[in-house]
All heavy atoms as atom14 arrays in JSON, in Angstrom:
{
  "sequence": "FLAGSCISAIAAVGSIFELTSGHPELGGLITGGILTATIP",
  "atom14_mask": [
    [1, 1, 1, 1, 1, 1, 1, 1, 1, 1, 1, 0, 0, 0],
    [1, 1, 1, 1, 1, 1, 1, 1, 0, 0, 0, 0, 0, 0],
    [1, 1, 1, 1, 1, 0, 0, 0, 0, 0, 0, 0, 0, 0],
    [1, 1, 1, 1, 0, 0, 0, 0, 0, 0, 0, 0, 0, 0],
    [1, 1, 1, 1, 1, 1, 0, 0, 0, 0, 0, 0, 0, 0],
    [1, 1, 1, 1, 1, 1, 0, 0, 0, 0, 0, 0, 0, 0],
    [1, 1, 1, 1, 1, 1, 1, 1, 0, 0, 0, 0, 0, 0],
    [1, 1, 1, 1, 1, 1, 0, 0, 0, 0, 0, 0, 0, 0],
    [1, 1, 1, 1, 1, 0, 0, 0, 0, 0, 0, 0, 0, 0],
    [1, 1, 1, 1, 1, 1, 1, 1, 0, 0, 0, 0, 0, 0],
    [1, 1, 1, 1, 1, 0, 0, 0, 0, 0, 0, 0, 0, 0],
    [1, 1, 1, 1, 1, 0, 0, 0, 0, 0, 0, 0, 0, 0],
    [1, 1, 1, 1, 1, 1, 1, 0, 0, 0, 0, 0, 0, 0],
    [1, 1, 1, 1, 0, 0, 0, 0, 0, 0, 0, 0, 0, 0],
    [1, 1, 1, 1, 1, 1, 0, 0, 0, 0, 0, 0, 0, 0],
    [1, 1, 1, 1, 1, 1, 1, 1, 0, 0, 0, 0, 0, 0],
    [1, 1, 1, 1, 1, 1, 1, 1, 1, 1, 1, 0, 0, 0],
    [1, 1, 1, 1, 1, 1, 1, 1, 1, 0, 0, 0, 0, 0],
    [1, 1, 1, 1, 1, 1, 1, 1, 0, 0, 0, 0, 0, 0],
    [1, 1, 1, 1, 1, 1, 1, 0, 0, 0, 0, 0, 0, 0],
    [1, 1, 1, 1, 1, 1, 0, 0, 0, 0, 0, 0, 0, 0],
    [1, 1, 1, 1, 0, 0, 0, 0, 0, 0, 0, 0, 0, 0],
    [1, 1, 1, 1, 1, 1, 1, 1, 1, 1, 0, 0, 0, 0],
    [1, 1, 1, 1, 1, 1, 1, 0, 0, 0, 0, 0, 0, 0],
    [1, 1, 1, 1, 1, 1, 1, 1, 1, 0, 0, 0, 0, 0],
    [1, 1, 1, 1, 1, 1, 1, 1, 0, 0, 0, 0, 0, 0],
    [1, 1, 1, 1, 0, 0, 0, 0, 0, 0, 0, 0, 0, 0],
    [1, 1, 1, 1, 0, 0, 0, 0, 0, 0, 0, 0, 0, 0],
    [1, 1, 1, 1, 1, 1, 1, 1, 0, 0, 0, 0, 0, 0],
    [1, 1, 1, 1, 1, 1, 1, 1, 0, 0, 0, 0, 0, 0],
    [1, 1, 1, 1, 1, 1, 1, 0, 0, 0, 0, 0, 0, 0],
    [1, 1, 1, 1, 0, 0, 0, 0, 0, 0, 0, 0, 0, 0],
    [1, 1, 1, 1, 0, 0, 0, 0, 0, 0, 0, 0, 0, 0],
    [1, 1, 1, 1, 1, 1, 1, 1, 0, 0, 0, 0, 0, 0],
    [1, 1, 1, 1, 1, 1, 1, 1, 0, 0, 0, 0, 0, 0],
    [1, 1, 1, 1, 1, 1, 1, 0, 0, 0, 0, 0, 0, 0],
    [1, 1, 1, 1, 1, 0, 0, 0, 0, 0, 0, 0, 0, 0],
    [1, 1, 1, 1, 1, 1, 1, 0, 0, 0, 0, 0, 0, 0],
    [1, 1, 1, 1, 1, 1, 1, 1, 0, 0, 0, 0, 0, 0],
    [1, 1, 1, 1, 1, 1, 1, 0, 0, 0, 0, 0, 0, 0]
  ],
  "atom14_positions": [
    [[19.31, -2.95, 32.63], [18.8, -2.83, 34.0], [17.7, -3.86, 34.27], [17.67, -4.49, 35.33], [18.25, -1.43, 34.26], [19.29, -0.37, 34.45], [19.01, 0.95, 34.13], [20.53, -0.65, 34.97], [19.95, 1.96, 34.32], [21.49, 0.33, 35.16], [21.2, 1.64, 34.83], [0.0, 0.0, 0.0], [0.0, 0.0, 0.0], [0.0, 0.0, 0.0]],
    [[16.8, -4.02, 33.31], [15.7, -4.96, 33.48], [16.19, -6.4, 33.52], [15.71, -7.21, 34.33], [14.68, -4.77, 32.36], [13.34, -5.47, 32.53], [12.66, -5.02, 33.81], [12.45, -5.19, 31.33], [0.0, 0.0, 0.0], [0.0, 0.0, 0.0], [0.0, 0.0, 0.0], [0.0, 0.0, 0.0], [0.0, 0.0, 0.0], [0.0, 0.0, 0.0]],
    [[17.17, -6.73, 32.7], [17.75, -8.08, 32.73], [18.43, -8.34, 34.07], [18.29, -9.43, 34.65], [18.75, -8.24, 31.59], [0.0, 0.0, 0.0], [0.0, 0.0, 0.0], [0.0, 0.0, 0.0], [0.0, 0.0, 0.0], [0.0, 0.0, 0.0], [0.0, 0.0, 0.0], [0.0, 0.0, 0.0], [0.0, 0.0, 0.0], [0.0, 0.0, 0.0]],
    [[19.15, -7.35, 34.58], [19.78, -7.51, 35.89], [18.76, -7.69, 36.99], [18.96, -8.48, 37.93], [0.0, 0.0, 0.0], [0.0, 0.0, 0.0], [0.0, 0.0, 0.0], [0.0, 0.0, 0.0], [0.0, 0.0, 0.0], [0.0, 0.0, 0.0], [0.0, 0.0, 0.0], [0.0, 0.0, 0.0], [0.0, 0.0, 0.0], [0.0, 0.0, 0.0]],
    [[17.65, -6.98, 36.88], [16.58, -7.13, 37.86], [15.99, -8.54, 37.83], [15.73, -9.12, 38.88], [15.49, -6.09, 37.58], [14.39, -6.29, 38.43], [0.0, 0.0, 0.0], [0.0, 0.0, 0.0], [0.0, 0.0, 0.0], [0.0, 0.0, 0.0], [0.0, 0.0, 0.0], [0.0, 0.0, 0.0], [0.0, 0.0, 0.0], [0.0, 0.0, 0.0]],
    [[15.8, -9.07, 36.64], [15.27, -10.43, 36.51], [16.24, -11.46, 37.09], [15.82, -12.39, 37.79], [14.99, -10.75, 35.04], [13.62, -9.84, 34.34], [0.0, 0.0, 0.0], [0.0, 0.0, 0.0], [0.0, 0.0, 0.0], [0.0, 0.0, 0.0], [0.0, 0.0, 0.0], [0.0, 0.0, 0.0], [0.0, 0.0, 0.0], [0.0, 0.0, 0.0]],
    [[17.52, -11.3, 36.81], [18.51, -12.23, 37.33], [18.58, -12.17, 38.85], [18.65, -13.21, 39.52], [19.89, -11.95, 36.69], [19.84, -12.32, 35.21], [21.0, -12.72, 37.4], [21.03, -11.86, 34.41], [0.0, 0.0, 0.0], [0.0, 0.0, 0.0], [0.0, 0.0, 0.0], [0.0, 0.0, 0.0], [0.0, 0.0, 0.0], [0.0, 0.0, 0.0]],
    [[18.52, -10.98, 39.41], [18.56, -10.88, 40.87], [17.29, -11.42, 41.5], [17.34, -12.01, 42.58], [18.83, -9.44, 41.31], [17.77, -8.6, 40.95], [0.0, 0.0, 0.0], [0.0, 0.0, 0.0], [0.0, 0.0, 0.0], [0.0, 0.0, 0.0], [0.0, 0.0, 0.0], [0.0, 0.0, 0.0], [0.0, 0.0, 0.0], [0.0, 0.0, 0.0]],
    [[16.15, -11.28, 40.83], [14.91, -11.87, 41.36], [14.98, -13.39, 41.34], [14.55, -14.05, 42.29], [13.72, -11.39, 40.53], [0.0, 0.0, 0.0], [0.0, 0.0, 0.0], [0.0, 0.0, 0.0], [0.0, 0.0, 0.0], [0.0, 0.0, 0.0], [0.0, 0.0, 0.0], [0.0, 0.0, 0.0], [0.0, 0.0, 0.0], [0.0, 0.0, 0.0]],
    [[15.54, -13.96, 40.29], [15.72, -15.41, 40.22], [16.65, -15.89, 41.32], [16.39, -16.92, 41.97], [16.23, -15.82, 38.83], [15.14, -15.58, 37.78], [16.69, -17.27, 38.81], [15.62, -15.68, 36.35], [0.0, 0.0, 0.0], [0.0, 0.0, 0.0], [0.0, 0.0, 0.0], [0.0, 0.0, 0.0], [0.0, 0.0, 0.0], [0.0, 0.0, 0.0]],
    [[17.72, -15.15, 41.57], [18.66, -15.51, 42.64], [17.99, -15.43, 44.0], [18.22, -16.29, 44.87], [19.88, -14.61, 42.6], [0.0, 0.0, 0.0], [0.0, 0.0, 0.0], [0.0, 0.0, 0.0], [0.0, 0.0, 0.0], [0.0, 0.0, 0.0], [0.0, 0.0, 0.0], [0.0, 0.0, 0.0], [0.0, 0.0, 0.0], [0.0, 0.0, 0.0]],
    [[17.14, -14.43, 44.21], [16.44, -14.29, 45.49], [15.47, -15.45, 45.71], [15.44, -16.04, 46.8], [15.69, -12.96, 45.54], [0.0, 0.0, 0.0], [0.0, 0.0, 0.0], [0.0, 0.0, 0.0], [0.0, 0.0, 0.0], [0.0, 0.0, 0.0], [0.0, 0.0, 0.0], [0.0, 0.0, 0.0], [0.0, 0.0, 0.0], [0.0, 0.0, 0.0]],
    [[14.72, -15.8, 44.69], [13.77, -16.92, 44.82], [14.51, -18.22, 45.04], [14.12, -19.05, 45.88], [12.86, -17.0, 43.58], [12.03, -18.27, 43.57], [11.94, -15.79, 43.51], [0.0, 0.0, 0.0], [0.0, 0.0, 0.0], [0.0, 0.0, 0.0], [0.0, 0.0, 0.0], [0.0, 0.0, 0.0], [0.0, 0.0, 0.0], [0.0, 0.0, 0.0]],
    [[15.6, -18.42, 44.32], [16.41, -19.62, 44.52], [16.98, -19.69, 45.93], [17.02, -20.77, 46.54], [0.0, 0.0, 0.0], [0.0, 0.0, 0.0], [0.0, 0.0, 0.0], [0.0, 0.0, 0.0], [0.0, 0.0, 0.0], [0.0, 0.0, 0.0], [0.0, 0.0, 0.0], [0.0, 0.0, 0.0], [0.0, 0.0, 0.0], [0.0, 0.0, 0.0]],
    [[17.39, -18.56, 46.46], [17.92, -18.53, 47.83], [16.84, -18.87, 48.84], [17.1, -19.58, 49.83], [18.51, -17.16, 48.14], [19.6, -16.89, 47.32], [0.0, 0.0, 0.0], [0.0, 0.0, 0.0], [0.0, 0.0, 0.0], [0.0, 0.0, 0.0], [0.0, 0.0, 0.0], [0.0, 0.0, 0.0], [0.0, 0.0, 0.0], [0.0, 0.0, 0.0]],
    [[15.63, -18.39, 48.6], [14.52, -18.71, 49.51], [14.26, -20.21, 49.5], [14.09, -20.83, 50.56], [13.26, -17.91, 49.12], [13.46, -16.44, 49.43], [12.03, -18.45, 49.86], [12.38, -15.53, 48.88], [0.0, 0.0, 0.0], [0.0, 0.0, 0.0], [0.0, 0.0, 0.0], [0.0, 0.0, 0.0], [0.0, 0.0, 0.0], [0.0, 0.0, 0.0]],
    [[14.23, -20.82, 48.32], [14.02, -22.26, 48.24], [15.15, -23.04, 48.91], [14.91, -24.04, 49.58], [13.86, -22.71, 46.79], [12.49, -22.47, 46.23], [12.31, -21.67, 45.12], [11.37, -23.05, 46.8], [11.06, -21.43, 44.6], [10.11, -22.83, 46.29], [9.95, -22.02, 45.19], [0.0, 0.0, 0.0], [0.0, 0.0, 0.0], [0.0, 0.0, 0.0]],
    [[16.38, -22.58, 48.72], [17.51, -23.25, 49.36], [17.41, -23.16, 50.88], [17.66, -24.15, 51.57], [18.82, -22.61, 48.89], [19.26, -23.03, 47.52], [19.8, -24.45, 47.49], [20.57, -24.83, 48.38], [19.42, -25.17, 46.56], [0.0, 0.0, 0.0], [0.0, 0.0, 0.0], [0.0, 0.0, 0.0], [0.0, 0.0, 0.0], [0.0, 0.0, 0.0]],
    [[17.06, -21.99, 51.39], [16.98, -21.83, 52.85], [15.82, -22.63, 53.44], [15.95, -23.17, 54.54], [16.85, -20.35, 53.21], [18.11, -19.52, 53.0], [17.82, -18.04, 53.15], [19.21, -19.95, 53.96], [0.0, 0.0, 0.0], [0.0, 0.0, 0.0], [0.0, 0.0, 0.0], [0.0, 0.0, 0.0], [0.0, 0.0, 0.0], [0.0, 0.0, 0.0]],
    [[14.71, -22.7, 52.73], [13.56, -23.44, 53.28], [13.73, -24.95, 53.13], [13.01, -25.7, 53.79], [12.25, -23.01, 52.61], [12.34, -23.2, 51.2], [11.94, -21.56, 52.92], [0.0, 0.0, 0.0], [0.0, 0.0, 0.0], [0.0, 0.0, 0.0], [0.0, 0.0, 0.0], [0.0, 0.0, 0.0], [0.0, 0.0, 0.0], [0.0, 0.0, 0.0]],
    [[14.67, -25.4, 52.28], [14.88, -26.84, 52.14], [15.54, -27.43, 53.38], [15.44, -28.64, 53.61], [15.74, -27.13, 50.91], [17.1, -26.79, 51.16], [0.0, 0.0, 0.0], [0.0, 0.0, 0.0], [0.0, 0.0, 0.0], [0.0, 0.0, 0.0], [0.0, 0.0, 0.0], [0.0, 0.0, 0.0], [0.0, 0.0, 0.0], [0.0, 0.0, 0.0]],
    [[16.21, -26.59, 54.15], [16.85, -27.07, 55.37], [18.33, -27.36, 55.21], [19.06, -27.4, 56.19], [0.0, 0.0, 0.0], [0.0, 0.0, 0.0], [0.0, 0.0, 0.0], [0.0, 0.0, 0.0], [0.0, 0.0, 0.0], [0.0, 0.0, 0.0], [0.0, 0.0, 0.0], [0.0, 0.0, 0.0], [0.0, 0.0, 0.0], [0.0, 0.0, 0.0]],
    [[18.78, -27.59, 53.98], [20.19, -27.9, 53.74], [20.71, -27.13, 52.53], [20.9, -27.7, 51.45], [20.38, -29.41, 53.5], [19.91, -30.25, 54.63], [20.58, -30.32, 55.83], [18.83, -31.05, 54.77], [19.93, -31.13, 56.65], [18.86, -31.58, 56.02], [0.0, 0.0, 0.0], [0.0, 0.0, 0.0], [0.0, 0.0, 0.0], [0.0, 0.0, 0.0]],
    [[20.96, -25.82, 52.68], [21.46, -25.05, 51.54], [22.84, -25.53, 51.11], [23.69, -25.82, 51.95], [21.52, -23.61, 52.04], [21.09, -23.62, 53.45], [20.77, -25.01, 53.86], [0.0, 0.0, 0.0], [0.0, 0.0, 0.0], [0.0, 0.0, 0.0], [0.0, 0.0, 0.0], [0.0, 0.0, 0.0], [0.0, 0.0, 0.0], [0.0, 0.0, 0.0]],
    [[23.06, -25.62, 49.81], [24.32, -26.13, 49.28], [25.51, -25.24, 49.64], [26.61, -25.73, 49.86], [24.24, -26.28, 47.77], [23.37, -27.43, 47.33], [23.41, -27.64, 45.83], [24.41, -27.25, 45.19], [22.44, -28.18, 45.32], [0.0, 0.0, 0.0], [0.0, 0.0, 0.0], [0.0, 0.0, 0.0], [0.0, 0.0, 0.0], [0.0, 0.0, 0.0]],
    [[25.3, -23.93, 49.66], [26.41, -23.02, 49.97], [26.48, -22.67, 51.46], [27.31, -21.87, 51.86], [26.25, -21.72, 49.17], [26.28, -21.86, 47.65], [26.0, -20.53, 46.98], [27.62, -22.43, 47.19], [0.0, 0.0, 0.0], [0.0, 0.0, 0.0], [0.0, 0.0, 0.0], [0.0, 0.0, 0.0], [0.0, 0.0, 0.0], [0.0, 0.0, 0.0]],
    [[25.59, -23.23, 52.24], [25.55, -22.9, 53.66], [24.54, -21.8, 53.92], [24.21, -21.0, 53.03], [0.0, 0.0, 0.0], [0.0, 0.0, 0.0], [0.0, 0.0, 0.0], [0.0, 0.0, 0.0], [0.0, 0.0, 0.0], [0.0, 0.0, 0.0], [0.0, 0.0, 0.0], [0.0, 0.0, 0.0], [0.0, 0.0, 0.0], [0.0, 0.0, 0.0]],
    [[24.03, -21.76, 55.13], [23.0, -20.8, 55.47], [23.47, -19.36, 55.45], [22.74, -18.46, 55.03], [0.0, 0.0, 0.0], [0.0, 0.0, 0.0], [0.0, 0.0, 0.0], [0.0, 0.0, 0.0], [0.0, 0.0, 0.0], [0.0, 0.0, 0.0], [0.0, 0.0, 0.0], [0.0, 0.0, 0.0], [0.0, 0.0, 0.0], [0.0, 0.0, 0.0]],
    [[24.69, -19.11, 55.86], [25.2, -17.75, 55.92], [25.39, -17.15, 54.53], [24.96, -16.03, 54.26], [26.52, -17.72, 56.69], [27.1, -16.34, 56.97], [26.16, -15.53, 57.86], [28.46, -16.47, 57.63], [0.0, 0.0, 0.0], [0.0, 0.0, 0.0], [0.0, 0.0, 0.0], [0.0, 0.0, 0.0], [0.0, 0.0, 0.0], [0.0, 0.0, 0.0]],
    [[26.0, -17.9, 53.63], [26.24, -17.39, 52.28], [24.92, -17.24, 51.53], [24.68, -16.24, 50.87], [27.21, -18.3, 51.51], [28.58, -18.24, 52.17], [27.28, -17.92, 50.04], [29.6, -19.19, 51.59], [0.0, 0.0, 0.0], [0.0, 0.0, 0.0], [0.0, 0.0, 0.0], [0.0, 0.0, 0.0], [0.0, 0.0, 0.0], [0.0, 0.0, 0.0]],
    [[24.04, -18.24, 51.65], [22.75, -18.16, 50.97], [21.91, -17.01, 51.52], [21.25, -16.3, 50.76], [21.99, -19.5, 51.12], [22.84, -20.56, 50.66], [20.72, -19.49, 50.31], [0.0, 0.0, 0.0], [0.0, 0.0, 0.0], [0.0, 0.0, 0.0], [0.0, 0.0, 0.0], [0.0, 0.0, 0.0], [0.0, 0.0, 0.0], [0.0, 0.0, 0.0]],
    [[21.95, -16.8, 52.82], [21.26, -15.66, 53.41], [21.84, -14.34, 52.94], [21.12, -13.36, 52.72], [0.0, 0.0, 0.0], [0.0, 0.0, 0.0], [0.0, 0.0, 0.0], [0.0, 0.0, 0.0], [0.0, 0.0, 0.0], [0.0, 0.0, 0.0], [0.0, 0.0, 0.0], [0.0, 0.0, 0.0], [0.0, 0.0, 0.0], [0.0, 0.0, 0.0]],
    [[23.15, -14.29, 52.77], [23.8, -13.09, 52.24], [23.39, -12.81, 50.81], [23.16, -11.65, 50.43], [0.0, 0.0, 0.0], [0.0, 0.0, 0.0], [0.0, 0.0, 0.0], [0.0, 0.0, 0.0], [0.0, 0.0, 0.0], [0.0, 0.0, 0.0], [0.0, 0.0, 0.0], [0.0, 0.0, 0.0], [0.0, 0.0, 0.0], [0.0, 0.0, 0.0]],
    [[23.3, -13.85, 50.01], [22.84, -13.68, 48.63], [21.41, -13.15, 48.62], [21.08, -12.23, 47.87], [22.94, -15.01, 47.86], [24.4, -15.41, 47.67], [22.22, -14.93, 46.51], [24.62, -16.81, 47.15], [0.0, 0.0, 0.0], [0.0, 0.0, 0.0], [0.0, 0.0, 0.0], [0.0, 0.0, 0.0], [0.0, 0.0, 0.0], [0.0, 0.0, 0.0]],
    [[20.56, -13.7, 49.45], [19.17, -13.25, 49.54], [19.1, -11.8, 49.99], [18.38, -10.99, 49.4], [18.39, -14.14, 50.51], [16.93, -13.75, 50.75], [16.12, -13.83, 49.47], [16.33, -14.65, 51.82], [0.0, 0.0, 0.0], [0.0, 0.0, 0.0], [0.0, 0.0, 0.0], [0.0, 0.0, 0.0], [0.0, 0.0, 0.0], [0.0, 0.0, 0.0]],
    [[19.88, -11.46, 50.99], [19.88, -10.1, 51.52], [20.39, -9.09, 50.49], [19.92, -7.95, 50.44], [20.77, -10.03, 52.78], [20.29, -10.99, 53.73], [20.76, -8.65, 53.4], [0.0, 0.0, 0.0], [0.0, 0.0, 0.0], [0.0, 0.0, 0.0], [0.0, 0.0, 0.0], [0.0, 0.0, 0.0], [0.0, 0.0, 0.0], [0.0, 0.0, 0.0]],
    [[21.32, -9.49, 49.65], [21.87, -8.58, 48.65], [20.98, -8.46, 47.41], [20.87, -7.38, 46.83], [23.26, -9.04, 48.24], [0.0, 0.0, 0.0], [0.0, 0.0, 0.0], [0.0, 0.0, 0.0], [0.0, 0.0, 0.0], [0.0, 0.0, 0.0], [0.0, 0.0, 0.0], [0.0, 0.0, 0.0], [0.0, 0.0, 0.0], [0.0, 0.0, 0.0]],
    [[20.34, -9.55, 47.0], [19.63, -9.54, 45.73], [18.26, -8.86, 45.81], [17.79, -8.34, 44.79], [19.46, -10.96, 45.17], [18.82, -11.79, 46.14], [20.8, -11.54, 44.77], [0.0, 0.0, 0.0], [0.0, 0.0, 0.0], [0.0, 0.0, 0.0], [0.0, 0.0, 0.0], [0.0, 0.0, 0.0], [0.0, 0.0, 0.0], [0.0, 0.0, 0.0]],
    [[17.62, -8.86, 46.96], [16.3, -8.21, 47.03], [16.42, -6.71, 46.8], [15.75, -6.17, 45.9], [15.6, -8.55, 48.36], [15.18, -10.02, 48.35], [14.39, -7.65, 48.58], [14.58, -10.51, 49.64], [0.0, 0.0, 0.0], [0.0, 0.0, 0.0], [0.0, 0.0, 0.0], [0.0, 0.0, 0.0], [0.0, 0.0, 0.0], [0.0, 0.0, 0.0]],
    [[17.25, -5.97, 47.54], [17.34, -4.53, 47.25], [17.95, -4.24, 45.87], [17.57, -3.28, 45.2], [18.2, -3.95, 48.36], [18.72, -5.09, 49.12], [18.03, -6.32, 48.71], [0.0, 0.0, 0.0], [0.0, 0.0, 0.0], [0.0, 0.0, 0.0], [0.0, 0.0, 0.0], [0.0, 0.0, 0.0], [0.0, 0.0, 0.0], [0.0, 0.0, 0.0]]
  ]
}
């Protein structure tokens, strides 16, 4: 559980950096979806 929490936190932080860069590699919708799913 703790390892999964760490991985999802890393994914959330990465998504934030991607969205704030202005040009997310996977697109804004998918990256926003990843962010929305990984925080909870």
